[in-house]
Amino acid sequence: MKKDLHPQYNIASIATCACGAVFKVGSTMPEIRMEICSQCHPFYTGNEKIMDTAGRVERFNKRRAATVKAKK
């Protein structure tokens, strides 16, 4: 293998979630920021809520309403 070709692997990288949870993970990046993790994800917490960070649900509903209206 060639030397200095592969990225440096950090055994104790810090992953920070938007909910405030902090994890130590192995990664090539020294720090990772994420929007959702196992401590705040609805599947793992049992809370059923819509995670809409970019208005995707509204955009889908608007497109769906337009196609239903066009078919009539």
N, C-alpha and C. Protein backbone atom coordinates (compact mmCIF):
# COMPACT_ATOMS: atom_id res chain seq x y z
N MET A 1 0.83 -1.19 0.00
CA MET A 1 0.00 0.00 0.00
C MET A 1 0.87 1.25 0.00
N LYS A 2 0.38 2.29 -0.65
CA LYS A 2 1.10 3.55 -0.68
C LYS A 2 0.94 4.29 0.65
N LYS A 3 1.99 4.91 1.09
CA LYS A 3 1.93 5.68 2.33
C LYS A 3 1.27 7.03 2.08
N ASP A 4 0.57 7.52 3.09
CA ASP A 4 -0.09 8.82 3.08
C ASP A 4 -1.12 8.97 1.96
N LEU A 5 -1.73 7.86 1.54
CA LEU A 5 -2.75 7.91 0.51
C LEU A 5 -4.15 7.91 1.13
N HIS A 6 -4.31 7.15 2.20
CA HIS A 6 -5.62 7.01 2.83
C HIS A 6 -5.82 8.08 3.90
N PRO A 7 -7.07 8.48 4.14
CA PRO A 7 -7.31 9.49 5.18
C PRO A 7 -7.02 8.94 6.57
N GLN A 8 -6.70 9.84 7.48
CA GLN A 8 -6.41 9.47 8.86
C GLN A 8 -7.70 9.02 9.54
N TYR A 9 -7.70 7.83 10.16
CA TYR A 9 -8.87 7.30 10.85
C TYR A 9 -8.80 7.67 12.32
N ASN A 10 -9.82 8.36 12.81
CA ASN A 10 -9.89 8.76 14.21
C ASN A 10 -10.74 7.75 14.97
N ILE A 11 -10.18 7.15 15.99
CA ILE A 11 -10.92 6.16 16.77
C ILE A 11 -11.97 6.84 17.64
N ALA A 12 -11.69 8.02 18.14
CA ALA A 12 -12.60 8.71 19.05
C ALA A 12 -13.10 10.03 18.46
N SER A 13 -13.77 9.95 17.31
CA SER A 13 -14.39 11.14 16.75
C SER A 13 -15.66 11.45 17.54
N ILE A 14 -16.03 12.71 17.58
CA ILE A 14 -17.20 13.12 18.34
C ILE A 14 -18.34 13.42 17.37
N ALA A 15 -19.47 12.73 17.57
CA ALA A 15 -20.67 12.96 16.77
C ALA A 15 -21.68 13.70 17.65
N THR A 16 -22.14 14.86 17.20
CA THR A 16 -23.08 15.68 17.95
C THR A 16 -24.39 15.78 17.19
N CYS A 17 -25.49 15.51 17.88
CA CYS A 17 -26.81 15.57 17.28
C CYS A 17 -27.45 16.92 17.58
N ALA A 18 -28.45 17.28 16.80
CA ALA A 18 -29.17 18.53 17.02
C ALA A 18 -29.94 18.52 18.34
N CYS A 19 -30.28 17.33 18.84
CA CYS A 19 -31.01 17.23 20.11
C CYS A 19 -30.09 17.41 21.31
N GLY A 20 -28.79 17.42 21.09
CA GLY A 20 -27.83 17.62 22.18
C GLY A 20 -27.08 16.37 22.58
N ALA A 21 -27.42 15.24 22.01
CA ALA A 21 -26.73 13.99 22.34
C ALA A 21 -25.33 13.99 21.72
N VAL A 22 -24.37 13.43 22.45
CA VAL A 22 -22.99 13.36 21.99
C VAL A 22 -22.53 11.91 22.04
N PHE A 23 -21.93 11.43 20.95
CA PHE A 23 -21.45 10.06 20.84
C PHE A 23 -19.98 10.06 20.44
N LYS A 24 -19.27 9.03 20.83
CA LYS A 24 -17.91 8.80 20.33
C LYS A 24 -18.00 7.69 19.30
N VAL A 25 -17.53 7.98 18.10
CA VAL A 25 -17.58 7.02 17.00
C VAL A 25 -16.23 7.01 16.29
N GLY A 26 -16.02 6.01 15.47
CA GLY A 26 -14.82 5.95 14.64
C GLY A 26 -15.12 6.52 13.27
N SER A 27 -14.30 7.45 12.81
CA SER A 27 -14.55 8.10 11.53
C SER A 27 -13.27 8.75 11.02
N THR A 28 -13.29 9.12 9.75
CA THR A 28 -12.17 9.86 9.18
C THR A 28 -12.31 11.35 9.45
N MET A 29 -13.49 11.78 9.87
CA MET A 29 -13.72 13.18 10.22
C MET A 29 -13.56 13.35 11.73
N PRO A 30 -12.92 14.40 12.19
CA PRO A 30 -12.72 14.57 13.64
C PRO A 30 -14.01 14.92 14.38
N GLU A 31 -14.95 15.60 13.70
CA GLU A 31 -16.21 15.99 14.33
C GLU A 31 -17.35 15.83 13.33
N ILE A 32 -18.46 15.25 13.79
CA ILE A 32 -19.61 15.01 12.93
C ILE A 32 -20.83 15.67 13.56
N ARG A 33 -21.59 16.42 12.76
CA ARG A 33 -22.84 17.01 13.23
C ARG A 33 -23.98 16.35 12.45
N MET A 34 -25.04 15.94 13.18
CA MET A 34 -26.17 15.29 12.53
C MET A 34 -27.48 15.88 13.02
N GLU A 35 -28.53 15.71 12.23
CA GLU A 35 -29.83 16.26 12.58
C GLU A 35 -30.63 15.33 13.48
N ILE A 36 -30.44 14.04 13.33
CA ILE A 36 -31.26 13.08 14.07
C ILE A 36 -30.41 11.88 14.46
N CYS A 37 -30.68 11.32 15.64
CA CYS A 37 -29.91 10.18 16.13
C CYS A 37 -30.87 9.18 16.77
N SER A 38 -30.34 8.14 17.36
CA SER A 38 -31.18 7.11 17.97
C SER A 38 -31.89 7.60 19.23
N GLN A 39 -31.41 8.67 19.83
CA GLN A 39 -32.06 9.19 21.04
C GLN A 39 -33.24 10.11 20.73
N CYS A 40 -33.32 10.61 19.51
CA CYS A 40 -34.44 11.50 19.17
C CYS A 40 -35.24 11.02 17.96
N HIS A 41 -34.84 9.91 17.33
CA HIS A 41 -35.57 9.39 16.18
C HIS A 41 -36.88 8.76 16.64
N PRO A 42 -38.01 9.03 15.97
CA PRO A 42 -39.31 8.51 16.40
C PRO A 42 -39.37 6.98 16.47
N PHE A 43 -38.65 6.29 15.62
CA PHE A 43 -38.67 4.83 15.64
C PHE A 43 -38.12 4.29 16.95
N TYR A 44 -37.04 4.88 17.44
CA TYR A 44 -36.40 4.41 18.65
C TYR A 44 -37.05 4.95 19.92
N THR A 45 -37.61 6.15 19.86
CA THR A 45 -38.22 6.75 21.06
C THR A 45 -39.65 6.31 21.26
N GLY A 46 -40.33 5.86 20.21
CA GLY A 46 -41.73 5.46 20.32
C GLY A 46 -42.69 6.62 20.13
N ASN A 47 -42.19 7.83 20.00
CA ASN A 47 -43.04 8.99 19.75
C ASN A 47 -43.28 9.11 18.26
N GLU A 48 -44.55 9.23 17.89
CA GLU A 48 -44.87 9.35 16.47
C GLU A 48 -45.03 10.83 16.13
N LYS A 49 -44.11 11.35 15.35
CA LYS A 49 -44.19 12.73 14.90
C LYS A 49 -43.54 12.82 13.53
N ILE A 50 -43.92 13.82 12.78
CA ILE A 50 -43.37 14.02 11.44
C ILE A 50 -42.10 14.85 11.56
N MET A 51 -41.00 14.34 11.04
CA MET A 51 -39.73 15.06 11.04
C MET A 51 -39.61 15.77 9.69
N ASP A 52 -40.06 17.01 9.64
CA ASP A 52 -40.06 17.78 8.40
C ASP A 52 -39.15 18.98 8.56
N THR A 53 -37.90 18.83 8.14
CA THR A 53 -36.95 19.92 8.31
C THR A 53 -36.89 20.85 7.11
N ALA A 54 -37.36 20.41 5.98
CA ALA A 54 -37.21 21.24 4.78
C ALA A 54 -38.54 21.52 4.08
N GLY A 55 -39.70 21.31 4.75
CA GLY A 55 -40.99 21.57 4.13
C GLY A 55 -41.36 20.55 3.08
N ARG A 56 -40.85 19.36 3.18
CA ARG A 56 -41.10 18.34 2.17
C ARG A 56 -42.55 17.88 2.16
N VAL A 57 -43.15 17.78 3.35
CA VAL A 57 -44.54 17.31 3.43
C VAL A 57 -45.47 18.31 2.76
N GLU A 58 -45.29 19.59 3.03
CA GLU A 58 -46.12 20.61 2.40
C GLU A 58 -45.95 20.61 0.89
N ARG A 59 -44.71 20.45 0.43
CA ARG A 59 -44.44 20.43 -1.00
C ARG A 59 -45.12 19.23 -1.66
N PHE A 60 -45.08 18.07 -1.01
CA PHE A 60 -45.73 16.87 -1.53
C PHE A 60 -47.25 17.06 -1.57
N ASN A 61 -47.82 17.58 -0.49
CA ASN A 61 -49.27 17.78 -0.44
C ASN A 61 -49.72 18.76 -1.51
N LYS A 62 -48.93 19.79 -1.78
CA LYS A 62 -49.28 20.77 -2.82
C LYS A 62 -49.25 20.11 -4.20
N ARG A 63 -48.24 19.30 -4.47
CA ARG A 63 -48.17 18.61 -5.77
C ARG A 63 -49.31 17.62 -5.91
N ARG A 64 -49.63 16.92 -4.83
CA ARG A 64 -50.71 15.92 -4.86
C ARG A 64 -52.05 16.60 -5.11
N ALA A 65 -52.29 17.73 -4.46
CA ALA A 65 -53.54 18.46 -4.66
C ALA A 65 -53.66 18.93 -6.10
N ALA A 66 -52.57 19.34 -6.70
CA ALA A 66 -52.59 19.81 -8.08
C ALA A 66 -52.91 18.66 -9.04
N THR A 67 -52.39 17.47 -8.80
CA THR A 67 -52.67 16.34 -9.69
C THR A 67 -54.10 15.85 -9.51
N VAL A 68 -54.61 15.87 -8.30
CA VAL A 68 -56.00 15.45 -8.06
C VAL A 68 -56.95 16.43 -8.73
N LYS A 69 -56.64 17.72 -8.65
CA LYS A 69 -57.47 18.76 -9.27
C LYS A 69 -57.43 18.63 -10.79
N ALA A 70 -56.28 18.29 -11.35
CA ALA A 70 -56.13 18.17 -12.80
C ALA A 70 -56.89 16.96 -13.34
N LYS A 71 -57.03 15.90 -12.56
CA LYS A 71 -57.72 14.70 -13.01
C LYS A 71 -59.23 14.90 -13.07
N LYS A 72 -59.77 15.85 -12.28
CA LYS A 72 -61.22 16.07 -12.26
C LYS A 72 -61.68 16.84 -13.42
